[in-house]
């Protein structure tokens, strides 16, 4: 995935109008970040995914301030990929 130094794989399934994602990475910290992202998006409709304020979610968690700029960019690249998948449904 572009924007991420680690390898990331994201797959999505549409079940009755709700999207469920499976994701993996070759880096343990990225696997953890994927878990945070999937907790925000799994089971939502495409419209809910598009409307969800992910930056506010990250701010509430205090997540971004603990990441390097590179990890933050990678995290946002994962979010953009999921949002693109939701937009294509």
C-alpha atoms as a PDB file:
ATOM      1  CA  UNK A   1       0.000   0.000   0.000  1.00  0.00           C
ATOM      2  CA  UNK A   2       1.372   3.436  -0.901  1.00  0.00           C
ATOM      3  CA  UNK A   3       2.194   5.705   2.013  1.00  0.00           C
ATOM      4  CA  UNK A   4       3.172   2.822   4.233  1.00  0.00           C
ATOM      5  CA  UNK A   5       6.658   1.348   4.618  1.00  0.00           C
ATOM      6  CA  UNK A   6       5.221  -1.995   5.685  1.00  0.00           C
ATOM      7  CA  UNK A   7       3.209  -4.353   3.539  1.00  0.00           C
ATOM      8  CA  UNK A   8      -0.547  -4.044   4.127  1.00  0.00           C
ATOM      9  CA  UNK A   9      -3.360  -6.143   2.689  1.00  0.00           C
ATOM     10  CA  UNK A  10      -7.003  -5.118   2.973  1.00  0.00           C
ATOM     11  CA  UNK A  11      -9.962  -7.097   1.661  1.00  0.00           C
ATOM     12  CA  UNK A  12     -13.607  -6.127   2.000  1.00  0.00           C
ATOM     13  CA  UNK A  13     -16.889  -7.990   1.867  1.00  0.00           C
ATOM     14  CA  UNK A  14     -20.361  -6.547   1.474  1.00  0.00           C
ATOM     15  CA  UNK A  15     -22.877  -8.465   3.569  1.00  0.00           C
ATOM     16  CA  UNK A  16     -26.418  -7.139   3.312  1.00  0.00           C
ATOM     17  CA  UNK A  17     -25.223  -3.593   2.664  1.00  0.00           C
ATOM     18  CA  UNK A  18     -22.682  -3.559   5.489  1.00  0.00           C
ATOM     19  CA  UNK A  19     -18.955  -3.731   4.834  1.00  0.00           C
ATOM     20  CA  UNK A  20     -16.627  -6.046   6.698  1.00  0.00           C
ATOM     21  CA  UNK A  21     -12.888  -5.822   6.249  1.00  0.00           C
ATOM     22  CA  UNK A  22     -10.052  -8.263   6.768  1.00  0.00           C
ATOM     23  CA  UNK A  23      -6.574  -6.815   6.960  1.00  0.00           C
ATOM     24  CA  UNK A  24      -3.052  -7.948   7.641  1.00  0.00           C
ATOM     25  CA  UNK A  25       0.469  -6.575   7.643  1.00  0.00           C
ATOM     26  CA  UNK A  26       4.013  -7.813   7.917  1.00  0.00           C
ATOM     27  CA  UNK A  27       4.652  -5.395  10.820  1.00  0.00           C
ATOM     28  CA  UNK A  28       3.219  -5.910  14.298  1.00  0.00           C
ATOM     29  CA  UNK A  29       2.600  -2.214  14.992  1.00  0.00           C
ATOM     30  CA  UNK A  30       0.749  -1.858  11.698  1.00  0.00           C
ATOM     31  CA  UNK A  31      -1.402  -4.871  12.593  1.00  0.00           C
ATOM     32  CA  UNK A  32      -2.366  -2.994  15.754  1.00  0.00           C
ATOM     33  CA  UNK A  33      -3.157   0.160  13.798  1.00  0.00           C
ATOM     34  CA  UNK A  34      -5.267  -1.892  11.404  1.00  0.00           C
ATOM     35  CA  UNK A  35      -7.201  -3.203  14.386  1.00  0.00           C
ATOM     36  CA  UNK A  36      -7.988   0.369  15.449  1.00  0.00           C
ATOM     37  CA  UNK A  37      -9.093   1.287  11.928  1.00  0.00           C
ATOM     38  CA  UNK A  38     -11.200  -1.847  11.509  1.00  0.00           C
ATOM     39  CA  UNK A  39     -12.887  -1.210  14.863  1.00  0.00           C
ATOM     40  CA  UNK A  40     -14.049   2.118  13.440  1.00  0.00           C
ATOM     41  CA  UNK A  41     -15.297   0.808  10.083  1.00  0.00           C
ATOM     42  CA  UNK A  42     -16.342  -2.851  10.288  1.00  0.00           C
ATOM     43  CA  UNK A  43     -20.077  -3.450  10.014  1.00  0.00           C
ATOM     44  CA  UNK A  44     -20.905   0.019   8.735  1.00  0.00           C
ATOM     45  CA  UNK A  45     -22.693   0.860   5.504  1.00  0.00           C
ATOM     46  CA  UNK A  46     -20.662   2.527   2.755  1.00  0.00           C
ATOM     47  CA  UNK A  47     -22.404   5.835   3.530  1.00  0.00           C
ATOM     48  CA  UNK A  48     -21.572   5.558   7.233  1.00  0.00           C
ATOM     49  CA  UNK A  49     -17.949   4.904   6.327  1.00  0.00           C
ATOM     50  CA  UNK A  50     -17.837   7.952   4.092  1.00  0.00           C
ATOM     51  CA  UNK A  51     -19.473  10.148   6.766  1.00  0.00           C
ATOM     52  CA  UNK A  52     -17.384   8.887   9.703  1.00  0.00           C
ATOM     53  CA  UNK A  53     -14.961  11.509  11.060  1.00  0.00           C
ATOM     54  CA  UNK A  54     -11.883   9.325  11.367  1.00  0.00           C
ATOM     55  CA  UNK A  55      -9.621  12.228  12.341  1.00  0.00           C
ATOM     56  CA  UNK A  56     -11.877  12.966  15.330  1.00  0.00           C
ATOM     57  CA  UNK A  57     -11.802   9.256  16.231  1.00  0.00           C
ATOM     58  CA  UNK A  58      -7.992   9.291  16.145  1.00  0.00           C
ATOM     59  CA  UNK A  59      -7.966  12.516  18.204  1.00  0.00           C
ATOM     60  CA  UNK A  60     -10.244  10.987  20.846  1.00  0.00           C
ATOM     61  CA  UNK A  61      -7.855   8.054  21.100  1.00  0.00           C
ATOM     62  CA  UNK A  62      -4.825  10.359  21.224  1.00  0.00           C
ATOM     63  CA  UNK A  63      -3.343   8.129  18.551  1.00  0.00           C
ATOM     64  CA  UNK A  64      -1.639  10.436  16.041  1.00  0.00           C
ATOM     65  CA  UNK A  65       0.572  12.180  18.596  1.00  0.00           C
ATOM     66  CA  UNK A  66       2.172   8.813  19.380  1.00  0.00           C
ATOM     67  CA  UNK A  67       3.037   7.975  15.772  1.00  0.00           C
ATOM     68  CA  UNK A  68       5.940   9.044  13.640  1.00  0.00           C
ATOM     69  CA  UNK A  69       5.009  11.110  10.576  1.00  0.00           C
ATOM     70  CA  UNK A  70       5.652   8.059   8.385  1.00  0.00           C
ATOM     71  CA  UNK A  71       3.350   5.846  10.466  1.00  0.00           C
ATOM     72  CA  UNK A  72       0.706   8.597  10.467  1.00  0.00           C
ATOM     73  CA  UNK A  73       0.885   8.772   6.665  1.00  0.00           C
ATOM     74  CA  UNK A  74       0.598   5.007   6.446  1.00  0.00           C
ATOM     75  CA  UNK A  75      -2.413   5.043   8.756  1.00  0.00           C
ATOM     76  CA  UNK A  76      -4.131   7.642   6.588  1.00  0.00           C
ATOM     77  CA  UNK A  77      -3.318   5.593   3.472  1.00  0.00           C
ATOM     78  CA  UNK A  78      -5.114   2.616   5.053  1.00  0.00           C
ATOM     79  CA  UNK A  79      -8.127   4.825   5.779  1.00  0.00           C
ATOM     80  CA  UNK A  80      -8.162   6.150   2.210  1.00  0.00           C
ATOM     81  CA  UNK A  81      -8.096   2.608   0.858  1.00  0.00           C
ATOM     82  CA  UNK A  82     -11.086   1.593   2.985  1.00  0.00           C
ATOM     83  CA  UNK A  83     -12.944   4.756   2.022  1.00  0.00           C
ATOM     84  CA  UNK A  84     -12.222   4.066  -1.654  1.00  0.00           C
ATOM     85  CA  UNK A  85     -13.546   0.539  -1.267  1.00  0.00           C
ATOM     86  CA  UNK A  86     -16.712   1.912   0.365  1.00  0.00           C
ATOM     87  CA  UNK A  87     -17.147   4.501  -2.377  1.00  0.00           C
ATOM     88  CA  UNK A  88     -16.938   1.814  -5.067  1.00  0.00           C
ATOM     89  CA  UNK A  89     -19.835  -0.234  -3.672  1.00  0.00           C
END
